[in-house]
Amino acid sequence: MHGIVYISLYIINSRGGAGLPMKRLFKASLFGYNRKQVNGYILNLRKDYERELSKKKDRMLELSQENRDLKSRLMEYEERLSDYEEREKFISKALVKAEESAQAIMKECYRRIDMEKYKIRQEQEKWKMREKEIIRQLLEFQKEAYALMESFQSEINYLTSKELIQLQNEDKSNDDEEEILNVSSM
């Protein structure tokens, strides 16, 4: 009973599920299959399995390390995001305060401008009244000056006429005296 016999082995994967069927030819021996061949085959299968298992473990370690790295980066990004969100809140508050401050400053400026305009209008009114008063005083002064000039003119005319009368009287009296002298000298 020596011959070749096909043996179908099913390799079970690490998760407990069925694997792919592995077919191999073994020589038959006196009490069954050739033990050396079967053990060699099983040893080769074991080595292949251990090699695959080692590769899978290495890949699992790589993936685990990559997962840790990604988690670390995720935490770092979350911290950054949190920091950025805090900064955004701070900047937002600062902008709101700056806006409120700018509005308060503008409101105060407009209030001061209005107050200055009011003061300027009051000063204008005051100076207009002062101008009117000065014009009124100048007109009064002009009237008084005209009245005084008329008075002086009247007095000058009066004095001039009086002097003329006096001169005429003196001329008459000189003429009379001359006549008297002429009459007496004759």
N, C-alpha and C. Protein backbone atom coordinates (compact mmCIF):
# COMPACT_ATOMS: atom_id res chain seq x y z
N MET A 1 0.78 -1.18 0.00
CA MET A 1 0.00 0.00 0.00
C MET A 1 0.82 1.26 0.00
N HIS A 2 1.74 1.15 -0.79
CA HIS A 2 2.53 2.36 -0.94
C HIS A 2 1.98 3.11 -2.12
N GLY A 3 1.66 4.30 -1.97
CA GLY A 3 1.16 5.12 -3.07
C GLY A 3 1.11 6.58 -2.66
N ILE A 4 0.61 7.32 -3.55
CA ILE A 4 0.52 8.75 -3.25
C ILE A 4 -0.91 9.05 -2.88
N VAL A 5 -1.05 9.79 -1.78
CA VAL A 5 -2.37 10.13 -1.27
C VAL A 5 -2.43 11.66 -1.16
N TYR A 6 -3.58 12.20 -1.56
CA TYR A 6 -3.80 13.65 -1.40
C TYR A 6 -4.40 13.91 -0.04
N ILE A 7 -3.84 14.86 0.66
CA ILE A 7 -4.38 15.25 1.96
C ILE A 7 -4.80 16.71 1.83
N SER A 8 -5.99 16.96 2.24
CA SER A 8 -6.48 18.34 2.24
C SER A 8 -6.41 18.85 3.66
N LEU A 9 -5.68 19.91 3.88
CA LEU A 9 -5.59 20.56 5.19
C LEU A 9 -6.23 21.94 5.09
N TYR A 10 -6.90 22.31 6.10
CA TYR A 10 -7.48 23.65 6.18
C TYR A 10 -6.71 24.42 7.23
N ILE A 11 -6.12 25.53 6.82
CA ILE A 11 -5.37 26.36 7.75
C ILE A 11 -6.37 27.34 8.36
N ILE A 12 -6.37 27.39 9.67
CA ILE A 12 -7.28 28.27 10.39
C ILE A 12 -6.57 29.59 10.64
N ASN A 13 -7.28 30.71 10.34
CA ASN A 13 -6.62 32.00 10.56
C ASN A 13 -6.66 32.37 12.03
N SER A 14 -5.97 33.44 12.39
CA SER A 14 -5.80 33.82 13.79
C SER A 14 -7.09 34.24 14.46
N ARG A 15 -8.13 34.53 13.69
CA ARG A 15 -9.39 34.97 14.28
C ARG A 15 -10.34 33.80 14.52
N GLY A 16 -9.91 32.64 14.20
CA GLY A 16 -10.76 31.48 14.46
C GLY A 16 -11.62 31.09 13.29
N GLY A 17 -11.53 31.79 12.19
CA GLY A 17 -12.32 31.45 11.03
C GLY A 17 -11.58 30.46 10.16
N ALA A 18 -12.26 29.89 9.18
CA ALA A 18 -11.63 28.92 8.29
C ALA A 18 -10.76 29.65 7.30
N GLY A 19 -9.65 29.03 6.95
CA GLY A 19 -8.75 29.63 6.00
C GLY A 19 -8.89 28.99 4.65
N LEU A 20 -7.90 29.09 3.80
CA LEU A 20 -7.93 28.50 2.47
C LEU A 20 -7.48 27.03 2.54
N PRO A 21 -8.08 26.18 1.77
CA PRO A 21 -7.63 24.77 1.81
C PRO A 21 -6.26 24.65 1.17
N MET A 22 -5.40 23.88 1.80
CA MET A 22 -4.05 23.65 1.30
C MET A 22 -3.95 22.17 0.92
N LYS A 23 -3.69 21.86 -0.32
CA LYS A 23 -3.59 20.47 -0.76
C LYS A 23 -2.13 20.11 -0.94
N ARG A 24 -1.78 18.92 -0.53
CA ARG A 24 -0.39 18.48 -0.63
C ARG A 24 -0.37 16.96 -0.87
N LEU A 25 0.59 16.53 -1.60
CA LEU A 25 0.73 15.09 -1.86
C LEU A 25 1.72 14.50 -0.87
N PHE A 26 1.33 13.39 -0.26
CA PHE A 26 2.22 12.66 0.65
C PHE A 26 2.32 11.21 0.19
N LYS A 27 3.49 10.60 0.45
CA LYS A 27 3.64 9.18 0.12
C LYS A 27 3.08 8.37 1.26
N ALA A 28 2.49 7.31 0.91
CA ALA A 28 1.96 6.42 1.94
C ALA A 28 3.09 5.53 2.45
N SER A 29 3.04 5.14 3.68
CA SER A 29 4.03 4.23 4.28
C SER A 29 3.30 3.07 4.93
N LEU A 30 4.02 2.28 5.69
CA LEU A 30 3.49 1.04 6.26
C LEU A 30 2.32 1.32 7.18
N PHE A 31 2.39 2.20 8.01
CA PHE A 31 1.29 2.46 8.95
C PHE A 31 0.58 3.77 8.64
N GLY A 32 0.49 4.14 7.46
CA GLY A 32 -0.21 5.37 7.08
C GLY A 32 0.67 6.25 6.20
N TYR A 33 0.69 7.52 6.50
CA TYR A 33 1.44 8.46 5.69
C TYR A 33 2.87 8.52 6.17
N ASN A 34 3.74 9.04 5.32
CA ASN A 34 5.15 9.20 5.68
C ASN A 34 5.23 10.34 6.69
N ARG A 35 5.61 9.90 7.86
CA ARG A 35 5.63 10.83 8.99
C ARG A 35 6.62 11.96 8.76
N LYS A 36 7.76 11.68 8.21
CA LYS A 36 8.79 12.68 7.99
C LYS A 36 8.27 13.77 7.04
N GLN A 37 7.64 13.33 5.99
CA GLN A 37 7.10 14.27 5.01
C GLN A 37 6.01 15.13 5.64
N VAL A 38 5.12 14.48 6.39
CA VAL A 38 4.01 15.22 7.01
C VAL A 38 4.56 16.20 8.02
N ASN A 39 5.49 15.76 8.86
CA ASN A 39 6.07 16.67 9.87
C ASN A 39 6.82 17.82 9.19
N GLY A 40 7.54 17.53 8.11
CA GLY A 40 8.25 18.58 7.37
C GLY A 40 7.27 19.59 6.79
N TYR A 41 6.18 19.03 6.25
CA TYR A 41 5.16 19.92 5.69
C TYR A 41 4.54 20.79 6.77
N ILE A 42 4.24 20.15 7.90
CA ILE A 42 3.64 20.91 9.01
C ILE A 42 4.63 21.94 9.51
N LEU A 43 5.91 21.57 9.57
CA LEU A 43 6.94 22.52 10.02
C LEU A 43 7.01 23.70 9.04
N ASN A 44 6.99 23.42 7.75
CA ASN A 44 7.01 24.50 6.74
C ASN A 44 5.76 25.38 6.88
N LEU A 45 4.62 24.70 7.10
CA LEU A 45 3.40 25.47 7.29
C LEU A 45 3.51 26.36 8.52
N ARG A 46 4.08 25.81 9.56
CA ARG A 46 4.24 26.56 10.81
C ARG A 46 5.15 27.76 10.59
N LYS A 47 6.26 27.54 9.89
CA LYS A 47 7.19 28.64 9.60
C LYS A 47 6.50 29.73 8.77
N ASP A 48 5.76 29.28 7.73
CA ASP A 48 5.03 30.26 6.91
C ASP A 48 4.01 31.02 7.77
N TYR A 49 3.31 30.26 8.60
CA TYR A 49 2.31 30.86 9.46
C TYR A 49 2.96 31.85 10.42
N GLU A 50 4.10 31.46 11.03
CA GLU A 50 4.80 32.35 11.96
C GLU A 50 5.34 33.58 11.24
N ARG A 51 5.83 33.39 10.01
CA ARG A 51 6.32 34.52 9.22
C ARG A 51 5.17 35.48 8.92
N GLU A 52 4.05 34.93 8.47
CA GLU A 52 2.87 35.75 8.21
C GLU A 52 2.38 36.42 9.49
N LEU A 53 2.38 35.64 10.56
CA LEU A 53 1.96 36.18 11.85
C LEU A 53 2.89 37.31 12.28
N SER A 54 4.21 37.11 12.09
CA SER A 54 5.18 38.15 12.44
C SER A 54 4.95 39.41 11.60
N LYS A 55 4.69 39.19 10.28
CA LYS A 55 4.40 40.33 9.41
C LYS A 55 3.15 41.06 9.89
N LYS A 56 2.12 40.27 10.22
CA LYS A 56 0.87 40.87 10.69
C LYS A 56 1.09 41.61 12.00
N LYS A 57 1.89 41.01 12.91
CA LYS A 57 2.19 41.69 14.19
C LYS A 57 2.95 42.98 13.93
N ASP A 58 3.95 42.91 13.03
CA ASP A 58 4.72 44.12 12.69
C ASP A 58 3.80 45.20 12.11
N ARG A 59 2.93 44.75 11.20
CA ARG A 59 1.99 45.70 10.61
C ARG A 59 1.05 46.25 11.66
N MET A 60 0.61 45.35 12.58
CA MET A 60 -0.26 45.79 13.66
C MET A 60 0.46 46.79 14.56
N LEU A 61 1.75 46.54 14.84
CA LEU A 61 2.54 47.48 15.64
C LEU A 61 2.69 48.81 14.91
N GLU A 62 2.95 48.72 13.59
CA GLU A 62 3.05 49.95 12.80
C GLU A 62 1.74 50.73 12.85
N LEU A 63 0.65 50.00 12.64
CA LEU A 63 -0.66 50.66 12.67
C LEU A 63 -0.98 51.21 14.05
N SER A 64 -0.58 50.46 15.08
CA SER A 64 -0.79 50.92 16.45
C SER A 64 0.01 52.19 16.70
N GLN A 65 1.28 52.19 16.23
CA GLN A 65 2.12 53.39 16.39
C GLN A 65 1.54 54.54 15.58
N GLU A 66 1.11 54.24 14.37
CA GLU A 66 0.49 55.27 13.53
C GLU A 66 -0.77 55.81 14.19
N ASN A 67 -1.54 54.91 14.79
CA ASN A 67 -2.76 55.30 15.50
C ASN A 67 -2.41 56.21 16.68
N ARG A 68 -1.36 55.83 17.45
CA ARG A 68 -0.93 56.68 18.57
C ARG A 68 -0.47 58.04 18.07
N ASP A 69 0.30 58.02 16.95
CA ASP A 69 0.77 59.29 16.37
C ASP A 69 -0.41 60.15 15.92
N LEU A 70 -1.37 59.49 15.27
CA LEU A 70 -2.54 60.24 14.81
C LEU A 70 -3.35 60.78 15.99
N LYS A 71 -3.48 59.97 17.04
CA LYS A 71 -4.19 60.45 18.23
C LYS A 71 -3.44 61.62 18.86
N SER A 72 -2.11 61.50 18.90
CA SER A 72 -1.29 62.59 19.45
C SER A 72 -1.47 63.86 18.62
N ARG A 73 -1.42 63.71 17.29
CA ARG A 73 -1.61 64.87 16.41
C ARG A 73 -3.01 65.43 16.56
N LEU A 74 -3.99 64.50 16.69
CA LEU A 74 -5.37 64.94 16.89
C LEU A 74 -5.50 65.75 18.17
N MET A 75 -4.87 65.27 19.24
CA MET A 75 -4.91 66.02 20.51
C MET A 75 -4.23 67.37 20.34
N GLU A 76 -3.09 67.37 19.64
CA GLU A 76 -2.38 68.62 19.41
C GLU A 76 -3.25 69.58 18.61
N TYR A 77 -3.91 69.06 17.56
CA TYR A 77 -4.77 69.91 16.74
C TYR A 77 -5.98 70.38 17.53
N GLU A 78 -6.50 69.53 18.38
CA GLU A 78 -7.63 69.95 19.22
C GLU A 78 -7.20 71.04 20.19
N GLU A 79 -5.96 70.91 20.75
CA GLU A 79 -5.45 71.96 21.64
C GLU A 79 -5.27 73.26 20.86
N ARG A 80 -4.70 73.13 19.65
CA ARG A 80 -4.53 74.32 18.82
C ARG A 80 -5.89 74.95 18.50
N LEU A 81 -6.84 74.10 18.13
CA LEU A 81 -8.17 74.59 17.82
C LEU A 81 -8.78 75.29 19.03
N SER A 82 -8.60 74.68 20.19
CA SER A 82 -9.11 75.30 21.41
C SER A 82 -8.42 76.65 21.64
N ASP A 83 -7.11 76.66 21.42
CA ASP A 83 -6.35 77.91 21.58
C ASP A 83 -6.84 78.95 20.58
N TYR A 84 -7.05 78.52 19.34
CA TYR A 84 -7.54 79.44 18.32
C TYR A 84 -8.94 79.93 18.65
N GLU A 85 -9.77 79.05 19.17
CA GLU A 85 -11.11 79.47 19.56
C GLU A 85 -11.05 80.48 20.68
N GLU A 86 -10.13 80.26 21.64
CA GLU A 86 -9.96 81.24 22.73
C GLU A 86 -9.49 82.57 22.18
N ARG A 87 -8.51 82.49 21.27
CA ARG A 87 -8.00 83.72 20.66
C ARG A 87 -9.11 84.42 19.88
N GLU A 88 -9.90 83.62 19.17
CA GLU A 88 -11.00 84.20 18.41
C GLU A 88 -11.97 84.93 19.34
N LYS A 89 -12.29 84.30 20.48
CA LYS A 89 -13.17 84.94 21.45
C LYS A 89 -12.55 86.23 21.96
N PHE A 90 -11.24 86.15 22.30
CA PHE A 90 -10.54 87.33 22.81
C PHE A 90 -10.53 88.44 21.77
N ILE A 91 -10.19 88.06 20.52
CA ILE A 91 -10.15 89.06 19.45
C ILE A 91 -11.54 89.61 19.20
N SER A 92 -12.53 88.73 19.23
CA SER A 92 -13.91 89.17 19.03
C SER A 92 -14.32 90.16 20.11
N LYS A 93 -13.98 89.83 21.37
CA LYS A 93 -14.29 90.76 22.46
C LYS A 93 -13.55 92.07 22.28
N ALA A 94 -12.26 91.96 21.89
CA ALA A 94 -11.45 93.17 21.69
C ALA A 94 -12.05 94.02 20.58
N LEU A 95 -12.48 93.37 19.50
CA LEU A 95 -13.09 94.12 18.40
C LEU A 95 -14.39 94.79 18.84
N VAL A 96 -15.17 94.07 19.62
CA VAL A 96 -16.43 94.65 20.10
C VAL A 96 -16.12 95.85 20.99
N LYS A 97 -15.13 95.69 21.89
CA LYS A 97 -14.76 96.81 22.76
C LYS A 97 -14.21 97.97 21.95
N ALA A 98 -13.38 97.66 20.95
CA ALA A 98 -12.82 98.71 20.10
C ALA A 98 -13.94 99.44 19.36
N GLU A 99 -14.89 98.68 18.86
CA GLU A 99 -16.04 99.28 18.15
C GLU A 99 -16.84 100.17 19.10
N GLU A 100 -17.10 99.65 20.30
CA GLU A 100 -17.85 100.45 21.28
C GLU A 100 -17.07 101.69 21.66
N SER A 101 -15.76 101.53 21.85
CA SER A 101 -14.92 102.67 22.21
C SER A 101 -14.91 103.70 21.08
N ALA A 102 -14.78 103.21 19.84
CA ALA A 102 -14.78 104.12 18.69
C ALA A 102 -16.12 104.87 18.60
N GLN A 103 -17.20 104.16 18.83
CA GLN A 103 -18.51 104.81 18.79
C GLN A 103 -18.64 105.84 19.91
N ALA A 104 -18.12 105.49 21.10
CA ALA A 104 -18.17 106.44 22.22
C ALA A 104 -17.33 107.67 21.90
N ILE A 105 -16.15 107.45 21.31
CA ILE A 105 -15.28 108.58 20.95
C ILE A 105 -15.97 109.45 19.90
N MET A 106 -16.56 108.81 18.89
CA MET A 106 -17.25 109.58 17.85
C MET A 106 -18.42 110.35 18.45
N LYS A 107 -19.16 109.71 19.34
CA LYS A 107 -20.29 110.38 19.98
C LYS A 107 -19.80 111.59 20.77
N GLU A 108 -18.71 111.41 21.51
CA GLU A 108 -18.14 112.52 22.29
C GLU A 108 -17.65 113.62 21.36
N CYS A 109 -17.03 113.24 20.24
CA CYS A 109 -16.57 114.24 19.27
C CYS A 109 -17.74 115.04 18.72
N TYR A 110 -18.79 114.34 18.33
CA TYR A 110 -19.97 115.04 17.80
C TYR A 110 -20.59 115.95 18.87
N ARG A 111 -20.59 115.50 20.11
CA ARG A 111 -21.13 116.31 21.20
C ARG A 111 -20.28 117.58 21.35
N ARG A 112 -18.95 117.39 21.33
CA ARG A 112 -18.06 118.55 21.47
C ARG A 112 -18.19 119.50 20.28
N ILE A 113 -18.33 118.93 19.08
CA ILE A 113 -18.50 119.77 17.90
C ILE A 113 -19.77 120.59 18.03
N ASP A 114 -20.85 119.94 18.45
CA ASP A 114 -22.11 120.66 18.63
C ASP A 114 -21.96 121.76 19.68
N MET A 115 -21.25 121.44 20.77
CA MET A 115 -21.05 122.43 21.83
C MET A 115 -20.21 123.61 21.31
N GLU A 116 -19.16 123.30 20.53
CA GLU A 116 -18.33 124.36 19.98
C GLU A 116 -19.12 125.21 18.98
N LYS A 117 -19.95 124.55 18.16
CA LYS A 117 -20.79 125.29 17.23
C LYS A 117 -21.72 126.23 17.99
N TYR A 118 -22.29 125.74 19.08
CA TYR A 118 -23.19 126.56 19.90
C TYR A 118 -22.43 127.76 20.46
N LYS A 119 -21.22 127.50 20.98
CA LYS A 119 -20.41 128.61 21.54
C LYS A 119 -20.05 129.61 20.45
N ILE A 120 -19.71 129.10 19.26
CA ILE A 120 -19.35 129.99 18.15
C ILE A 120 -20.56 130.83 17.75
N ARG A 121 -21.75 130.20 17.69
CA ARG A 121 -22.96 130.95 17.36
C ARG A 121 -23.23 132.03 18.41
N GLN A 122 -23.03 131.67 19.68
CA GLN A 122 -23.22 132.66 20.74
C GLN A 122 -22.23 133.81 20.57
N GLU A 123 -20.98 133.49 20.28
CA GLU A 123 -19.97 134.53 20.06
C GLU A 123 -20.34 135.39 18.86
N GLN A 124 -20.83 134.76 17.80
CA GLN A 124 -21.25 135.52 16.63
C GLN A 124 -22.38 136.48 16.99
N GLU A 125 -23.33 135.97 17.73
CA GLU A 125 -24.45 136.82 18.15
C GLU A 125 -23.95 137.97 19.01
N LYS A 126 -23.04 137.63 19.92
CA LYS A 126 -22.49 138.66 20.80
C LYS A 126 -21.76 139.72 19.98
N TRP A 127 -20.96 139.28 18.99
CA TRP A 127 -20.22 140.24 18.19
C TRP A 127 -21.14 141.01 17.25
N LYS A 128 -22.22 140.36 16.79
CA LYS A 128 -23.18 141.09 15.96
C LYS A 128 -23.84 142.18 16.79
N MET A 129 -24.20 141.84 18.02
CA MET A 129 -24.81 142.85 18.90
C MET A 129 -23.81 143.95 19.19
N ARG A 130 -22.56 143.55 19.41
CA ARG A 130 -21.50 144.55 19.68
C ARG A 130 -21.32 145.44 18.46
N GLU A 131 -21.34 144.83 17.26
CA GLU A 131 -21.21 145.59 16.02
C GLU A 131 -22.36 146.59 15.89
N LYS A 132 -23.58 146.12 16.15
CA LYS A 132 -24.74 147.01 16.08
C LYS A 132 -24.61 148.16 17.07
N GLU A 133 -24.14 147.84 18.27
CA GLU A 133 -23.97 148.87 19.30
C GLU A 133 -22.92 149.89 18.86
N ILE A 134 -21.82 149.38 18.28
CA ILE A 134 -20.75 150.30 17.82
C ILE A 134 -21.28 151.16 16.68
N ILE A 135 -22.03 150.54 15.75
CA ILE A 135 -22.60 151.32 14.64
C ILE A 135 -23.56 152.37 15.18
N ARG A 136 -24.39 151.99 16.16
CA ARG A 136 -25.33 152.95 16.77
C ARG A 136 -24.55 154.09 17.42
N GLN A 137 -23.46 153.73 18.15
CA GLN A 137 -22.65 154.76 18.82
C GLN A 137 -21.98 155.67 17.79
N LEU A 138 -21.49 155.05 16.69
CA LEU A 138 -20.85 155.85 15.64
C LEU A 138 -21.86 156.82 15.01
N LEU A 139 -23.07 156.31 14.78
CA LEU A 139 -24.11 157.18 14.21
C LEU A 139 -24.44 158.33 15.16
N GLU A 140 -24.53 158.00 16.45
CA GLU A 140 -24.79 159.04 17.45
C GLU A 140 -23.65 160.04 17.46
N PHE A 141 -22.41 159.49 17.43
CA PHE A 141 -21.24 160.37 17.44
C PHE A 141 -21.24 161.24 16.19
N GLN A 142 -21.61 160.64 15.06
CA GLN A 142 -21.67 161.39 13.81
C GLN A 142 -22.72 162.50 13.92
N LYS A 143 -23.88 162.18 14.48
CA LYS A 143 -24.93 163.19 14.65
C LYS A 143 -24.43 164.31 15.57
N GLU A 144 -23.79 163.89 16.68
CA GLU A 144 -23.28 164.91 17.60
C GLU A 144 -22.21 165.76 16.93
N ALA A 145 -21.34 165.05 16.11
CA ALA A 145 -20.29 165.80 15.41
C ALA A 145 -20.91 166.78 14.43
N TYR A 146 -21.96 166.33 13.67
CA TYR A 146 -22.64 167.24 12.76
C TYR A 146 -23.29 168.38 13.52
N ALA A 147 -23.91 168.05 14.63
CA ALA A 147 -24.57 169.08 15.43
C ALA A 147 -23.53 170.06 15.95
N LEU A 148 -22.41 169.52 16.42
CA LEU A 148 -21.35 170.38 16.94
C LEU A 148 -20.77 171.25 15.82
N MET A 149 -20.58 170.62 14.64
CA MET A 149 -20.04 171.39 13.51
C MET A 149 -21.03 172.48 13.09
N GLU A 150 -22.31 172.16 13.11
CA GLU A 150 -23.32 173.16 12.77
C GLU A 150 -23.32 174.28 13.81
N SER A 151 -23.16 173.83 15.08
CA SER A 151 -23.11 174.84 16.14
C SER A 151 -21.90 175.74 15.96
N PHE A 152 -20.72 175.09 15.65
CA PHE A 152 -19.51 175.88 15.42
C PHE A 152 -19.69 176.78 14.21
N GLN A 153 -20.29 176.24 13.16
CA GLN A 153 -20.51 177.02 11.94
C GLN A 153 -21.41 178.22 12.26
N SER A 154 -22.47 177.96 13.07
CA SER A 154 -23.38 179.06 13.43
C SER A 154 -22.62 180.10 14.25
N GLU A 155 -21.85 179.63 15.18
CA GLU A 155 -21.11 180.56 16.03
C GLU A 155 -20.08 181.34 15.22
N ILE A 156 -19.41 180.58 14.28
CA ILE A 156 -18.43 181.25 13.43
C ILE A 156 -19.15 182.31 12.57
N ASN A 157 -20.27 181.92 12.03
CA ASN A 157 -21.05 182.87 11.22
C ASN A 157 -21.49 184.07 12.06
N TYR A 158 -21.94 183.78 13.27
CA TYR A 158 -22.38 184.83 14.17
C TYR A 158 -21.21 185.75 14.50
N LEU A 159 -20.07 185.15 14.87
CA LEU A 159 -18.91 185.97 15.22
C LEU A 159 -18.39 186.73 14.01
N THR A 160 -18.41 186.06 12.86
CA THR A 160 -17.94 186.71 11.64
C THR A 160 -18.85 187.90 11.32
N SER A 161 -20.15 187.67 11.42
CA SER A 161 -21.06 188.76 11.12
C SER A 161 -20.93 189.87 12.16
N LYS A 162 -20.70 189.52 13.39
CA LYS A 162 -20.53 190.52 14.44
C LYS A 162 -19.26 191.32 14.18
N GLU A 163 -18.24 190.63 13.79
CA GLU A 163 -16.98 191.32 13.52
C GLU A 163 -17.13 192.22 12.29
N LEU A 164 -17.84 191.70 11.33
CA LEU A 164 -18.07 192.52 10.14
C LEU A 164 -18.86 193.79 10.51
N ILE A 165 -19.82 193.58 11.35
CA ILE A 165 -20.61 194.73 11.78
C ILE A 165 -19.71 195.68 12.54
N GLN A 166 -18.91 195.14 13.35
CA GLN A 166 -18.01 195.98 14.13
C GLN A 166 -17.04 196.69 13.20
N LEU A 167 -16.53 196.00 12.25
CA LEU A 167 -15.61 196.62 11.29
C LEU A 167 -16.34 197.71 10.50
N GLN A 168 -17.53 197.40 10.17
CA GLN A 168 -18.30 198.38 9.44
C GLN A 168 -18.56 199.60 10.33
N ASN A 169 -18.86 199.29 11.56
CA ASN A 169 -19.09 200.39 12.50
C ASN A 169 -17.80 201.18 12.71
N GLU A 170 -16.74 200.51 12.76
CA GLU A 170 -15.47 201.19 12.94
C GLU A 170 -15.14 201.98 11.68
N ASP A 171 -15.43 201.38 10.55
CA ASP A 171 -15.19 202.08 9.31
C ASP A 171 -16.09 203.33 9.25
N LYS A 172 -17.28 203.20 9.69
CA LYS A 172 -18.19 204.33 9.71
C LYS A 172 -17.68 205.37 10.70
N SER A 173 -17.26 204.88 11.83
CA SER A 173 -16.79 205.83 12.81
C SER A 173 -15.48 206.46 12.33
N ASN A 174 -14.68 205.75 11.64
CA ASN A 174 -13.45 206.31 11.08
C ASN A 174 -13.83 207.28 9.96
N ASP A 175 -14.80 206.94 9.21
CA ASP A 175 -15.26 207.82 8.15
C ASP A 175 -15.88 209.08 8.78
N ASP A 176 -16.61 208.87 9.83
CA ASP A 176 -17.22 209.99 10.52
C ASP A 176 -16.14 210.87 11.12
N GLU A 177 -15.17 210.28 11.66
CA GLU A 177 -14.09 211.03 12.26
C GLU A 177 -13.33 211.75 11.17
N GLU A 178 -13.14 211.09 10.10
CA GLU A 178 -12.45 211.73 9.01
C GLU A 178 -13.31 212.90 8.49
N GLU A 179 -14.54 212.70 8.44
CA GLU A 179 -15.41 213.75 8.00
C GLU A 179 -15.37 214.90 9.01
N ILE A 180 -15.38 214.47 10.22
CA ILE A 180 -15.33 215.52 11.25
C ILE A 180 -13.97 216.19 11.14
N LEU A 181 -13.01 215.51 10.95
CA LEU A 181 -11.68 216.10 10.83
C LEU A 181 -11.61 216.91 9.53
N ASN A 182 -12.16 216.42 8.55
CA ASN A 182 -12.17 217.13 7.29
C ASN A 182 -13.08 218.39 7.43
N VAL A 183 -14.08 218.24 8.10
CA VAL A 183 -15.00 219.36 8.29
C VAL A 183 -14.29 220.36 9.24
N SER A 184 -13.66 219.89 10.20
CA SER A 184 -12.98 220.79 11.11
C SER A 184 -11.74 221.37 10.44
N SER A 185 -11.17 220.76 9.62
CA SER A 185 -10.00 221.29 9.00
C SER A 185 -10.43 222.23 7.89
N MET A 186 -11.34 222.22 7.60
CA MET A 186 -11.76 223.17 6.59
C MET A 186 -12.07 224.44 7.21
